[in-house]
Amino acid sequence: MLKLLCYPPLFGLVDNNPYGLKVATFLNLVGLDYAIEHLMDVSQAPRGQLPFISDDGEIVGDSNQILDYLTLKYDLQLDADLTPAQRDLSLLILRMLDEHLYWIISYSRWSDPNCWPLFKREFLSHYPQVGEEGMEQIRTYNLNRYKFQGIGRYSPAEVYKKGCQNLEVLANLLDDRPFLFGEQPHSIDAASYAFLACIHYVVGQRNKKG
């Protein structure tokens, strides 16, 4: 039985982290049957990171490696019609999402003084066992990560300017099409949805709660 192990749901999303949501969306698009298990303890995860999958005893981590593994093992044809140029563009978009936009999403939740109280309140309302002290410990860990990565050395306005530039690129590429390459979705659409949803639903909650 194929099992996806990822972070817990939040803000109406099956995983509050875009990497796990990317895999779940891909699985739904290709129609594979799978179970989902939510974790907070990453000590047993490959490289100490979520998500990962367990597939008849085979453990695979890293969201992109998971998609590659599933595509090869189950002969999935989701991206079979893409041209070499479209595959190259997909990779560029994926790198922008994974290596840049991710940090801005994470920063908004754990560092931005306007968003952090909402995120903490929402998280603790669903997972009170983490506790105030636990949340502060995670926040301190993340603030150090942002400083080392570089995003934490900018003001919120500067950070969000970078994020808006990423979103504008996606909007321009999408244009008026339902998916990035036309009428049918591909794996890059699963990835794009995951990151956009992690922005959209959090912002929606913030607007509703003031």
C-alpha atoms as a PDB file:
ATOM      1  CA  MET A   1       0.000   0.000   0.000  1.00  0.00           C
ATOM      2  CA  LEU A   2       1.324   3.411  -0.970  1.00  0.00           C
ATOM      3  CA  LYS A   3       1.477   5.795   1.984  1.00  0.00           C
ATOM      4  CA  LEU A   4       2.307   9.497   2.029  1.00  0.00           C
ATOM      5  CA  LEU A   5       3.797  10.757   5.284  1.00  0.00           C
ATOM      6  CA  CYS A   6       3.684  14.518   5.649  1.00  0.00           C
ATOM      7  CA  TYR A   7       3.060  17.419   8.004  1.00  0.00           C
ATOM      8  CA  PRO A   8      -0.398  17.901   9.576  1.00  0.00           C
ATOM      9  CA  PRO A   9      -3.251  19.724   7.843  1.00  0.00           C
ATOM     10  CA  LEU A  10      -3.943  23.392   8.493  1.00  0.00           C
ATOM     11  CA  PHE A  11      -5.975  26.191   6.897  1.00  0.00           C
ATOM     12  CA  GLY A  12      -8.102  23.592   5.109  1.00  0.00           C
ATOM     13  CA  LEU A  13      -5.100  22.044   3.337  1.00  0.00           C
ATOM     14  CA  VAL A  14      -4.179  18.374   3.639  1.00  0.00           C
ATOM     15  CA  ASP A  15      -0.613  19.453   4.448  1.00  0.00           C
ATOM     16  CA  ASN A  16       0.315  22.932   5.638  1.00  0.00           C
ATOM     17  CA  ASN A  17       3.712  22.593   3.919  1.00  0.00           C
ATOM     18  CA  PRO A  18       3.895  23.011   0.122  1.00  0.00           C
ATOM     19  CA  TYR A  19       6.207  20.040  -0.445  1.00  0.00           C
ATOM     20  CA  GLY A  20       3.802  17.493   0.999  1.00  0.00           C
ATOM     21  CA  LEU A  21       0.866  19.228  -0.658  1.00  0.00           C
ATOM     22  CA  LYS A  22       2.723  18.984  -3.977  1.00  0.00           C
ATOM     23  CA  VAL A  23       2.967  15.200  -3.654  1.00  0.00           C
ATOM     24  CA  ALA A  24      -0.656  14.812  -2.527  1.00  0.00           C
ATOM     25  CA  THR A  25      -1.863  16.923  -5.464  1.00  0.00           C
ATOM     26  CA  PHE A  26       0.240  14.895  -7.898  1.00  0.00           C
ATOM     27  CA  LEU A  27      -1.162  11.635  -6.513  1.00  0.00           C
ATOM     28  CA  ASN A  28      -4.690  12.950  -6.921  1.00  0.00           C
ATOM     29  CA  LEU A  29      -4.016  14.057 -10.496  1.00  0.00           C
ATOM     30  CA  VAL A  30      -2.653  10.679 -11.584  1.00  0.00           C
ATOM     31  CA  GLY A  31      -5.324   8.733  -9.694  1.00  0.00           C
ATOM     32  CA  LEU A  32      -3.086   6.506  -7.588  1.00  0.00           C
ATOM     33  CA  ASP A  33      -4.642   5.048  -4.453  1.00  0.00           C
ATOM     34  CA  TYR A  34      -2.766   6.039  -1.325  1.00  0.00           C
ATOM     35  CA  ALA A  35      -3.112   6.504   2.392  1.00  0.00           C
ATOM     36  CA  ILE A  36      -1.881   9.561   4.231  1.00  0.00           C
ATOM     37  CA  GLU A  37      -0.259   9.767   7.650  1.00  0.00           C
ATOM     38  CA  HIS A  38       0.447  13.079   9.340  1.00  0.00           C
ATOM     39  CA  LEU A  39       3.597  13.512  11.395  1.00  0.00           C
ATOM     40  CA  MET A  40       5.339  16.184  13.411  1.00  0.00           C
ATOM     41  CA  ASP A  41       8.332  14.079  14.397  1.00  0.00           C
ATOM     42  CA  VAL A  42      10.768  14.034  11.472  1.00  0.00           C
ATOM     43  CA  SER A  43      13.453  11.953  13.187  1.00  0.00           C
ATOM     44  CA  GLN A  44      12.647   8.852  11.120  1.00  0.00           C
ATOM     45  CA  ALA A  45      12.234  10.700   7.822  1.00  0.00           C
ATOM     46  CA  PRO A  46      14.925  10.494   5.123  1.00  0.00           C
ATOM     47  CA  ARG A  47      17.366  13.373   5.688  1.00  0.00           C
ATOM     48  CA  GLY A  48      15.101  14.426   8.567  1.00  0.00           C
ATOM     49  CA  GLN A  49      12.630  16.019   6.147  1.00  0.00           C
ATOM     50  CA  LEU A  50       8.990  15.577   5.218  1.00  0.00           C
ATOM     51  CA  PRO A  51       7.321  14.444   3.065  1.00  0.00           C
ATOM     52  CA  PHE A  52       8.317  10.903   2.262  1.00  0.00           C
ATOM     53  CA  ILE A  53       6.474   7.874   0.958  1.00  0.00           C
ATOM     54  CA  SER A  54       6.412   4.229   1.892  1.00  0.00           C
ATOM     55  CA  ASP A  55       5.589   2.027  -1.077  1.00  0.00           C
ATOM     56  CA  ASP A  56       5.516  -1.682  -0.243  1.00  0.00           C
ATOM     57  CA  GLY A  57       8.510  -1.182   2.016  1.00  0.00           C
ATOM     58  CA  GLU A  58      10.365   1.200  -0.303  1.00  0.00           C
ATOM     59  CA  ILE A  59      11.066   4.534   1.420  1.00  0.00           C
ATOM     60  CA  VAL A  60      11.550   7.597  -0.778  1.00  0.00           C
ATOM     61  CA  GLY A  61      12.069  11.147   0.455  1.00  0.00           C
ATOM     62  CA  ASP A  62      12.225  14.584  -1.224  1.00  0.00           C
ATOM     63  CA  SER A  63       9.073  15.687  -3.029  1.00  0.00           C
ATOM     64  CA  ASN A  64      10.662  15.807  -6.479  1.00  0.00           C
ATOM     65  CA  GLN A  65      12.380  12.450  -6.077  1.00  0.00           C
ATOM     66  CA  ILE A  66       9.035  11.025  -4.969  1.00  0.00           C
ATOM     67  CA  LEU A  67       7.359  12.254  -8.163  1.00  0.00           C
ATOM     68  CA  ASP A  68      10.194  10.833 -10.281  1.00  0.00           C
ATOM     69  CA  TYR A  69       9.999   7.492  -8.469  1.00  0.00           C
ATOM     70  CA  LEU A  70       6.224   7.213  -8.860  1.00  0.00           C
ATOM     71  CA  THR A  71       6.351   8.221 -12.527  1.00  0.00           C
ATOM     72  CA  LEU A  72       8.919   5.533 -13.308  1.00  0.00           C
ATOM     73  CA  LYS A  73       7.465   2.726 -11.189  1.00  0.00           C
ATOM     74  CA  TYR A  74       3.846   3.180 -12.247  1.00  0.00           C
ATOM     75  CA  ASP A  75       4.567   4.314 -15.810  1.00  0.00           C
ATOM     76  CA  LEU A  76       2.669   7.553 -15.268  1.00  0.00           C
ATOM     77  CA  GLN A  77       2.047   9.648 -18.366  1.00  0.00           C
ATOM     78  CA  LEU A  78       1.199  13.000 -16.785  1.00  0.00           C
ATOM     79  CA  ASP A  79       4.187  14.744 -18.404  1.00  0.00           C
ATOM     80  CA  ALA A  80       4.626  12.454 -21.400  1.00  0.00           C
ATOM     81  CA  ASP A  81       3.393  15.045 -23.908  1.00  0.00           C
ATOM     82  CA  LEU A  82       5.739  17.845 -22.819  1.00  0.00           C
ATOM     83  CA  THR A  83       8.338  19.087 -25.278  1.00  0.00           C
ATOM     84  CA  PRO A  84      12.001  19.416 -24.226  1.00  0.00           C
ATOM     85  CA  ALA A  85      11.534  23.190 -23.951  1.00  0.00           C
ATOM     86  CA  GLN A  86       8.477  22.740 -21.725  1.00  0.00           C
ATOM     87  CA  ARG A  87      10.385  20.317 -19.518  1.00  0.00           C
ATOM     88  CA  ASP A  88      13.192  22.850 -19.171  1.00  0.00           C
ATOM     89  CA  LEU A  89      10.726  25.609 -18.287  1.00  0.00           C
ATOM     90  CA  SER A  90       9.053  23.303 -15.764  1.00  0.00           C
ATOM     91  CA  LEU A  91      12.407  22.770 -14.070  1.00  0.00           C
ATOM     92  CA  LEU A  92      13.071  26.508 -13.894  1.00  0.00           C
ATOM     93  CA  ILE A  93       9.644  27.132 -12.346  1.00  0.00           C
ATOM     94  CA  LEU A  94      10.151  24.270  -9.914  1.00  0.00           C
ATOM     95  CA  ARG A  95      13.476  25.705  -8.763  1.00  0.00           C
ATOM     96  CA  MET A  96      11.849  29.108  -8.227  1.00  0.00           C
ATOM     97  CA  LEU A  97       9.113  27.523  -6.122  1.00  0.00           C
ATOM     98  CA  ASP A  98      11.260  25.088  -4.145  1.00  0.00           C
ATOM     99  CA  GLU A  99      14.340  27.203  -3.587  1.00  0.00           C
ATOM    100  CA  HIS A 100      12.941  30.732  -3.336  1.00  0.00           C
ATOM    101  CA  LEU A 101       9.189  31.080  -2.885  1.00  0.00           C
ATOM    102  CA  TYR A 102       9.259  28.420  -0.162  1.00  0.00           C
ATOM    103  CA  TRP A 103      11.449  30.624   2.013  1.00  0.00           C
ATOM    104  CA  ILE A 104       9.108  33.582   1.614  1.00  0.00           C
ATOM    105  CA  ILE A 105       6.086  31.483   2.604  1.00  0.00           C
ATOM    106  CA  SER A 106       7.924  30.129   5.624  1.00  0.00           C
ATOM    107  CA  TYR A 107       9.185  33.598   6.563  1.00  0.00           C
ATOM    108  CA  SER A 108       5.645  34.979   6.434  1.00  0.00           C
ATOM    109  CA  ARG A 109       4.437  32.439   8.978  1.00  0.00           C
ATOM    110  CA  TRP A 110       7.277  32.400  11.465  1.00  0.00           C
ATOM    111  CA  SER A 111       8.963  35.810  11.161  1.00  0.00           C
ATOM    112  CA  ASP A 112       6.543  38.483   9.918  1.00  0.00           C
ATOM    113  CA  PRO A 113       5.135  40.143  13.076  1.00  0.00           C
ATOM    114  CA  ASN A 114       1.783  40.649  11.328  1.00  0.00           C
ATOM    115  CA  CYS A 115       1.339  36.990  10.349  1.00  0.00           C
ATOM    116  CA  TRP A 116       3.106  35.140  13.142  1.00  0.00           C
ATOM    117  CA  PRO A 117       0.366  35.658  15.803  1.00  0.00           C
ATOM    118  CA  LEU A 118      -2.315  34.333  13.427  1.00  0.00           C
ATOM    119  CA  PHE A 119      -0.231  31.346  12.405  1.00  0.00           C
ATOM    120  CA  LYS A 120       0.636  30.499  16.012  1.00  0.00           C
ATOM    121  CA  ARG A 121      -2.978  30.829  17.148  1.00  0.00           C
ATOM    122  CA  GLU A 122      -4.276  28.718  14.273  1.00  0.00           C
ATOM    123  CA  PHE A 123      -1.634  26.035  14.749  1.00  0.00           C
ATOM    124  CA  LEU A 124      -2.156  25.763  18.502  1.00  0.00           C
ATOM    125  CA  SER A 125      -5.935  25.632  18.080  1.00  0.00           C
ATOM    126  CA  HIS A 126      -5.476  22.396  16.123  1.00  0.00           C
ATOM    127  CA  TYR A 127      -2.375  21.014  17.855  1.00  0.00           C
ATOM    128  CA  PRO A 128      -2.351  22.299  21.450  1.00  0.00           C
ATOM    129  CA  GLN A 129       0.085  19.568  22.460  1.00  0.00           C
ATOM    130  CA  VAL A 130       2.888  21.574  20.822  1.00  0.00           C
ATOM    131  CA  GLY A 131       2.406  24.354  23.377  1.00  0.00           C
ATOM    132  CA  GLU A 132       3.522  27.974  23.466  1.00  0.00           C
ATOM    133  CA  GLU A 133       7.065  27.026  24.438  1.00  0.00           C
ATOM    134  CA  GLY A 134       7.300  24.517  21.617  1.00  0.00           C
ATOM    135  CA  MET A 135       6.120  27.087  19.088  1.00  0.00           C
ATOM    136  CA  GLU A 136       8.679  29.609  20.315  1.00  0.00           C
ATOM    137  CA  GLN A 137      11.448  27.019  20.035  1.00  0.00           C
ATOM    138  CA  ILE A 138      10.447  26.234  16.453  1.00  0.00           C
ATOM    139  CA  ARG A 139      10.266  29.936  15.680  1.00  0.00           C
ATOM    140  CA  THR A 140      13.772  30.546  17.030  1.00  0.00           C
ATOM    141  CA  TYR A 141      15.068  27.660  14.925  1.00  0.00           C
ATOM    142  CA  ASN A 142      13.413  29.093  11.809  1.00  0.00           C
ATOM    143  CA  LEU A 143      14.608  32.646  12.439  1.00  0.00           C
ATOM    144  CA  ASN A 144      18.163  31.313  12.514  1.00  0.00           C
ATOM    145  CA  ARG A 145      17.535  29.446   9.263  1.00  0.00           C
ATOM    146  CA  TYR A 146      16.266  32.618   7.589  1.00  0.00           C
ATOM    147  CA  LYS A 147      19.360  34.526   8.644  1.00  0.00           C
ATOM    148  CA  PHE A 148      21.707  31.849   7.322  1.00  0.00           C
ATOM    149  CA  GLN A 149      19.717  31.467   4.093  1.00  0.00           C
ATOM    150  CA  GLY A 150      19.622  35.235   3.631  1.00  0.00           C
ATOM    151  CA  ILE A 151      15.899  36.007   3.505  1.00  0.00           C
ATOM    152  CA  GLY A 152      15.944  36.983   7.179  1.00  0.00           C
ATOM    153  CA  ARG A 153      18.316  39.867   6.460  1.00  0.00           C
ATOM    154  CA  TYR A 154      15.596  41.794   4.601  1.00  0.00           C
ATOM    155  CA  SER A 155      12.594  43.768   5.825  1.00  0.00           C
ATOM    156  CA  PRO A 156       9.126  42.225   5.353  1.00  0.00           C
ATOM    157  CA  ALA A 157       8.414  44.700   2.546  1.00  0.00           C
ATOM    158  CA  GLU A 158      11.585  43.658   0.730  1.00  0.00           C
ATOM    159  CA  VAL A 159      10.825  39.974   1.237  1.00  0.00           C
ATOM    160  CA  TYR A 160       7.294  40.292  -0.125  1.00  0.00           C
ATOM    161  CA  LYS A 161       8.493  42.303  -3.102  1.00  0.00           C
ATOM    162  CA  LYS A 162      10.606  39.292  -4.052  1.00  0.00           C
ATOM    163  CA  GLY A 163       7.624  37.000  -3.552  1.00  0.00           C
ATOM    164  CA  CYS A 164       5.357  39.173  -5.685  1.00  0.00           C
ATOM    165  CA  GLN A 165       7.928  39.079  -8.474  1.00  0.00           C
ATOM    166  CA  ASN A 166       7.770  35.274  -8.388  1.00  0.00           C
ATOM    167  CA  LEU A 167       3.980  35.336  -8.493  1.00  0.00           C
ATOM    168  CA  GLU A 168       4.004  37.776 -11.395  1.00  0.00           C
ATOM    169  CA  VAL A 169       6.218  35.397 -13.362  1.00  0.00           C
ATOM    170  CA  LEU A 170       3.738  32.571 -12.755  1.00  0.00           C
ATOM    171  CA  ALA A 171       0.796  34.782 -13.700  1.00  0.00           C
ATOM    172  CA  ASN A 172       2.471  35.872 -16.936  1.00  0.00           C
ATOM    173  CA  LEU A 173       3.330  32.295 -17.875  1.00  0.00           C
ATOM    174  CA  LEU A 174      -0.169  31.063 -17.084  1.00  0.00           C
ATOM    175  CA  ASP A 175      -1.825  33.936 -18.958  1.00  0.00           C
ATOM    176  CA  ASP A 176      -5.483  32.990 -19.564  1.00  0.00           C
ATOM    177  CA  ARG A 177      -4.915  29.225 -19.771  1.00  0.00           C
ATOM    178  CA  PRO A 178      -6.343  26.860 -17.136  1.00  0.00           C
ATOM    179  CA  PHE A 179      -2.914  25.216 -16.731  1.00  0.00           C
ATOM    180  CA  LEU A 180       0.632  26.281 -17.505  1.00  0.00           C
ATOM    181  CA  PHE A 181       0.876  24.343 -20.760  1.00  0.00           C
ATOM    182  CA  GLY A 182      -2.708  24.422 -21.935  1.00  0.00           C
ATOM    183  CA  GLU A 183      -5.884  22.522 -21.206  1.00  0.00           C
ATOM    184  CA  GLN A 184      -4.384  19.596 -19.282  1.00  0.00           C
ATOM    185  CA  PRO A 185      -2.478  19.634 -15.965  1.00  0.00           C
ATOM    186  CA  HIS A 186       1.078  18.398 -15.546  1.00  0.00           C
ATOM    187  CA  SER A 187       3.327  17.836 -12.558  1.00  0.00           C
ATOM    188  CA  ILE A 188       4.429  21.477 -12.590  1.00  0.00           C
ATOM    189  CA  ASP A 189       0.781  22.456 -12.085  1.00  0.00           C
ATOM    190  CA  ALA A 190       0.646  20.235  -9.004  1.00  0.00           C
ATOM    191  CA  ALA A 191       3.712  22.021  -7.655  1.00  0.00           C
ATOM    192  CA  SER A 192       2.391  25.472  -8.541  1.00  0.00           C
ATOM    193  CA  TYR A 193      -0.956  24.767  -6.899  1.00  0.00           C
ATOM    194  CA  ALA A 194       0.734  23.584  -3.703  1.00  0.00           C
ATOM    195  CA  PHE A 195       2.720  26.771  -3.253  1.00  0.00           C
ATOM    196  CA  LEU A 196      -0.093  29.092  -4.301  1.00  0.00           C
ATOM    197  CA  ALA A 197      -2.558  27.342  -1.986  1.00  0.00           C
ATOM    198  CA  CYS A 198      -0.206  27.759   0.968  1.00  0.00           C
ATOM    199  CA  ILE A 199      -0.309  31.499   0.288  1.00  0.00           C
ATOM    200  CA  HIS A 200      -3.967  31.866  -0.674  1.00  0.00           C
ATOM    201  CA  TYR A 201      -5.561  30.041   2.234  1.00  0.00           C
ATOM    202  CA  VAL A 202      -3.321  31.607   4.881  1.00  0.00           C
ATOM    203  CA  VAL A 203      -3.970  35.100   3.530  1.00  0.00           C
ATOM    204  CA  GLY A 204      -7.688  34.299   3.425  1.00  0.00           C
ATOM    205  CA  GLN A 205      -7.664  33.313   7.087  1.00  0.00           C
ATOM    206  CA  ARG A 206      -5.743  36.456   7.979  1.00  0.00           C
ATOM    207  CA  ASN A 207      -8.264  38.658   6.173  1.00  0.00           C
ATOM    208  CA  LYS A 208     -11.227  36.927   7.834  1.00  0.00           C
ATOM    209  CA  LYS A 209      -9.737  37.265  11.300  1.00  0.00           C
ATOM    210  CA  GLY A 210      -8.388  40.759  10.814  1.00  0.00           C
END
